[in-house]
Protein backbone atom coordinates (compact mmCIF):
# COMPACT_ATOMS: atom_id res chain seq x y z
CA MET A 1 28.59 -2.70 32.07
CA PRO A 2 30.87 -1.68 29.19
CA ILE A 3 32.32 1.77 29.20
CA GLY A 4 33.04 4.04 26.20
CA LEU A 5 30.96 4.64 23.07
CA ASN A 6 29.68 1.12 22.93
CA GLY A 7 28.51 1.44 26.57
CA LEU A 8 26.52 4.58 25.61
CA GLU A 9 24.92 2.76 22.72
CA LEU A 10 23.93 -0.14 24.96
CA LEU A 11 22.50 2.35 27.40
CA ARG A 12 20.41 3.88 24.63
CA TRP A 13 19.33 0.43 23.58
CA PHE A 14 18.05 -0.68 27.00
CA ARG A 15 17.21 2.57 28.87
CA GLN A 16 16.46 5.35 26.41
CA PRO A 17 12.71 5.74 25.65
CA GLU A 18 11.55 5.04 22.14
CA THR A 19 10.03 8.53 22.00
CA ALA A 20 13.58 9.91 22.56
CA TYR A 21 15.13 7.88 19.71
CA GLY A 22 15.81 4.85 21.85
CA LYS A 23 15.78 1.34 20.40
CA SER A 24 12.47 0.15 18.94
CA VAL A 25 11.43 -2.26 16.25
CA GLN A 26 8.57 -2.07 13.75
CA ARG A 27 6.56 -5.31 13.83
CA GLU A 28 5.53 -6.72 10.45
CA PHE A 29 2.01 -7.58 11.53
CA GLN A 30 1.16 -4.01 12.79
CA PHE A 31 -0.73 -2.77 9.72
CA TRP A 32 -4.24 -2.16 8.44
CA GLY A 33 -5.10 -1.82 4.76
CA PHE A 34 -8.13 -1.40 2.57
CA PHE A 35 -9.13 -0.67 -0.99
CA LEU A 36 -10.56 2.78 -1.45
CA TYR A 37 -13.78 2.49 -3.42
CA ASN A 38 -17.42 2.44 -2.80
CA PRO A 39 -18.86 -0.92 -4.20
CA PHE A 40 -22.45 0.45 -4.23
CA SER A 41 -22.31 4.04 -5.45
CA ASP A 42 -21.17 3.26 -9.02
CA LEU A 43 -23.98 0.91 -9.66
CA ILE A 44 -26.61 3.16 -8.30
CA ALA A 45 -25.25 6.19 -10.14
CA GLY A 46 -24.64 4.26 -13.28
CA LYS A 47 -21.05 5.51 -13.72
CA GLY A 48 -17.47 4.73 -12.69
CA SER A 49 -15.49 1.57 -13.08
CA VAL A 50 -18.41 -0.86 -13.65
CA PRO A 51 -18.80 -2.64 -17.01
CA ARG A 52 -21.61 -1.34 -19.24
CA ALA A 53 -23.30 -4.76 -19.21
CA ALA A 54 -23.28 -4.72 -15.38
CA LYS A 55 -24.94 -1.28 -15.29
CA GLN A 56 -27.70 -2.34 -17.61
CA LYS A 57 -28.35 -5.63 -15.72
CA PHE A 58 -28.58 -3.72 -12.49
CA LYS A 59 -31.02 -1.23 -13.95
CA ASP A 60 -33.14 -3.92 -15.44
CA THR A 61 -33.34 -6.20 -12.42
CA LEU A 62 -33.30 -3.31 -9.84
CA GLY A 63 -32.17 -5.03 -6.69
CA ASN A 64 -31.66 -8.56 -7.98
CA ILE A 65 -28.04 -9.23 -7.14
CA ASN A 66 -26.31 -10.64 -10.21
CA SER A 67 -22.78 -11.87 -11.14
CA ASP A 68 -21.66 -8.27 -11.99
CA PHE A 69 -22.26 -6.73 -8.68
CA PRO A 70 -19.08 -5.21 -7.18
CA PRO A 71 -17.15 -7.22 -4.57
CA ILE A 72 -16.68 -6.27 -0.93
CA VAL A 73 -13.16 -6.91 0.24
CA GLN A 74 -12.60 -6.43 4.07
CA PRO A 75 -9.35 -5.46 5.76
CA PHE A 76 -9.26 -8.90 7.40
CA HIS A 77 -8.98 -10.50 4.00
CA ILE A 78 -5.47 -8.88 3.64
CA LEU A 79 -2.69 -11.12 4.95
CA SER A 80 0.34 -9.20 3.65
CA VAL A 81 1.32 -6.29 1.44
CA THR A 82 4.62 -5.81 -0.42
CA ILE A 83 5.39 -2.07 -0.71
CA PRO A 84 7.25 -1.06 -3.93
CA THR A 85 9.67 1.78 -4.10
CA TYR A 86 11.57 3.86 -6.60
CA THR A 87 14.53 2.03 -8.22
CA PHE A 88 17.64 3.58 -9.74
CA ALA A 89 20.33 2.38 -12.09
CA LYS A 90 23.94 3.45 -12.36
CA LYS A 91 25.37 5.34 -15.28
CA ILE A 92 29.04 5.49 -15.97
CA MET A 93 31.03 8.15 -17.87
CA TRP A 94 34.72 7.69 -18.38
CA TYR A 95 37.28 10.49 -18.19
CA GLY A 96 40.33 8.59 -19.45
CA THR A 97 40.70 5.74 -16.96
CA VAL A 98 38.74 7.52 -14.23
CA PRO A 99 35.07 6.62 -13.92
CA ARG A 100 32.38 9.02 -12.92
CA THR A 101 29.13 7.46 -11.90
CA PHE A 102 25.64 8.84 -11.16
CA PRO A 103 22.19 7.37 -10.67
CA TYR A 104 19.15 7.79 -12.84
CA LEU A 105 15.47 6.69 -12.32
CA SER A 106 14.95 3.29 -13.85
CA MET A 107 11.42 1.93 -13.39
CA ASP A 108 8.18 1.29 -15.25
CA GLY A 109 5.73 2.34 -12.53
CA PHE A 110 4.84 0.62 -9.24
CA ASN A 111 3.68 -2.94 -8.80
CA LEU A 112 1.75 -3.36 -5.56
CA GLN A 113 1.44 -7.03 -4.35
CA VAL A 114 -1.35 -7.91 -1.89
CA GLN A 115 -1.87 -11.39 -0.39
CA LEU A 116 -5.57 -12.13 0.21
CA GLU A 117 -7.06 -15.01 2.16
CA GLU A 118 -10.22 -16.56 0.68
CA ASP A 119 -13.39 -16.96 2.72
CA GLU A 120 -16.33 -19.36 2.25
CA ILE A 121 -18.28 -16.75 0.37
CA GLY A 122 -15.71 -16.58 -2.48
CA SER A 123 -14.96 -12.87 -1.94
CA VAL A 124 -11.32 -12.99 -3.09
CA GLU A 125 -12.01 -15.03 -6.27
CA TYR A 126 -14.95 -12.70 -7.07
CA PHE A 127 -12.73 -9.64 -6.52
CA ILE A 128 -10.13 -10.98 -8.94
CA ASN A 129 -12.82 -11.90 -11.52
CA TRP A 130 -14.49 -8.55 -11.12
CA ASN A 131 -11.24 -6.70 -11.78
CA GLN A 132 -10.73 -8.81 -14.96
CA ARG A 133 -14.27 -8.07 -16.16
CA ASN A 134 -13.62 -4.38 -15.55
CA MET A 135 -10.83 -4.46 -18.21
CA ILE A 136 -12.80 -6.24 -20.96
CA ASP A 137 -16.63 -6.25 -20.89
CA SER A 138 -18.94 -9.02 -22.08
CA GLU A 139 -19.04 -7.50 -25.57
CA GLY A 140 -15.27 -7.75 -25.97
CA TYR A 141 -14.46 -4.07 -25.60
CA TYR A 142 -11.62 -2.73 -23.48
CA THR A 143 -12.75 -0.33 -20.81
CA PRO A 144 -11.11 3.14 -20.96
CA PRO A 145 -8.11 3.19 -18.64
CA GLN A 146 -9.51 5.75 -16.25
CA LYS A 147 -12.74 3.86 -15.84
CA MET A 148 -11.20 0.46 -15.07
CA LYS A 149 -9.10 1.57 -12.16
CA ILE A 150 -9.67 1.28 -8.37
CA LYS A 151 -9.59 4.67 -6.68
CA GLY A 152 -6.76 3.73 -4.39
CA PHE A 153 -5.33 1.40 -1.75
CA ILE A 154 -4.32 2.76 1.69
CA LEU A 155 -1.97 0.96 4.07
CA GLU A 156 -1.61 2.21 7.61
CA VAL A 157 1.47 1.05 9.55
CA GLN A 158 1.13 1.17 13.36
CA ASP A 159 3.31 1.03 16.35
CA HIS A 160 2.70 -1.49 19.23
CA PHE A 161 0.12 0.97 20.72
CA GLY A 162 -1.83 1.03 17.50
CA ILE A 163 -0.79 4.64 16.72
CA PRO A 164 -0.19 5.33 13.02
CA VAL A 165 3.44 5.54 12.03
CA VAL A 166 3.18 6.04 8.28
CA TYR A 167 0.50 5.92 5.57
CA TYR A 168 1.11 4.54 2.10
CA VAL A 169 -1.45 5.58 -0.46
CA PHE A 170 -1.51 4.04 -3.95
CA HIS A 171 -3.57 6.05 -6.46
CA ASP A 172 -5.57 4.62 -9.39
CA LEU A 173 -4.79 0.92 -9.26
CA TYR A 174 -5.35 -1.53 -12.07
CA PHE A 175 -5.32 -5.27 -11.97
CA LEU A 176 -2.33 -7.08 -13.51
CA ASP A 177 -2.03 -10.65 -12.27
CA ALA A 178 -3.13 -13.18 -9.58
CA ASP A 179 -1.77 -16.52 -8.49
CA ALA A 180 -3.61 -19.59 -9.44
CA ALA A 181 -5.71 -21.18 -6.62
CA THR A 182 -4.68 -24.69 -5.58
CA TYR A 183 -7.10 -27.10 -3.89
CA SER A 184 -5.81 -30.40 -2.56
CA TYR A 185 -6.81 -33.28 -0.34
CA GLU A 186 -3.27 -33.39 1.02
CA GLY A 187 -3.50 -30.24 3.12
CA ASN A 188 -5.82 -28.22 5.30
CA SER A 189 -4.39 -24.68 4.84
CA SER A 190 -6.51 -21.73 3.77
CA ILE A 191 -6.59 -20.54 0.25
CA LYS A 192 -4.29 -17.60 -0.31
CA ARG A 193 -4.00 -15.50 -3.45
CA ASN A 194 -1.25 -13.09 -4.37
CA VAL A 195 -2.74 -10.30 -6.44
CA THR A 196 -0.61 -7.77 -8.32
CA PHE A 197 -1.80 -4.22 -9.15
CA GLY A 198 -0.13 -1.60 -11.38
CA CYS A 199 0.08 1.94 -10.14
CA ASP A 200 1.68 5.20 -11.45
CA ARG A 201 1.55 7.30 -8.22
CA MET A 202 2.27 6.60 -4.63
CA SER A 203 2.01 8.97 -1.66
CA THR A 204 3.74 8.49 1.70
CA ILE A 205 2.61 10.37 4.81
CA PHE A 206 4.96 10.09 7.80
CA ILE A 207 2.91 10.67 10.98
CA LYS A 208 5.36 10.16 13.79
CA GLN A 209 8.42 11.35 11.92
CA ASN A 210 6.72 14.58 11.01
CA GLY A 211 5.84 15.01 14.69
CA PHE A 212 9.40 14.42 15.77
CA ALA A 213 10.67 16.83 13.11
CA ALA A 214 8.24 19.51 14.27
CA ALA A 215 9.29 18.96 17.94
CA ALA A 216 12.99 19.07 17.02
CA GLY A 217 12.52 22.21 15.00
CA LEU A 218 10.70 23.87 17.93
CA ALA A 219 13.44 22.79 20.34
CA ALA A 220 16.16 24.14 17.99
CA GLY A 221 14.21 27.38 17.68
CA ILE A 222 13.96 27.83 21.41
CA ALA A 223 17.64 26.96 21.94
CA GLY A 224 18.55 29.58 19.30
CA VAL A 225 16.53 32.28 21.01
CA VAL A 226 18.08 31.49 24.41
CA ARG A 227 21.53 31.46 22.89
CA ASP A 228 20.98 34.81 21.25
CA LYS A 229 19.75 36.33 24.50
CA ASN A 230 22.68 34.98 26.48
CA GLY A 231 25.24 35.70 23.75
């Protein structure tokens, strides 16, 4: 067993519990995501992000499911999610021959990429098509921006026990792009579609880190009280 600082780090790696800041790894498959919208309420209420033609068809047929009925995307359709983040650029100011640099925010909003796996009902293709129809209706009119958006997308990242680690919440998504579907007699893989959504706001809720911070703050407070009494 090595001695010295590297020996202490190896001891932390193999012996120190994860809950005490020992070594742990986040597995990429430990997540659960879903789109936050009710596919039924907007049609029944006649409002929200449903094209005008779809509302009228639903009212006229009253229960006859037609091509404008909202899609139902399940969490198991989601294969992977690429989380965007804030990006910065470097600005340089020169004082003679001495540079002074600083960062500034350089981005045009968030692009959320979700890979969906198609089923034998056609849910993913219908979801893509429904988002496109939400932007331009059958009469050729653009839908107002706030009415074409999906309420949100929530991604829950979990540890190996299934306990939430962090939540990513993307607010007011709008469809941007989707990969083309490729069908071929030369393969037997499932159909996967990469769908890109635009988003202006993202919230991040750290579950376990906030718990650790609260525990550390409590421990520091207790230690300070004990030190004051003994000092």
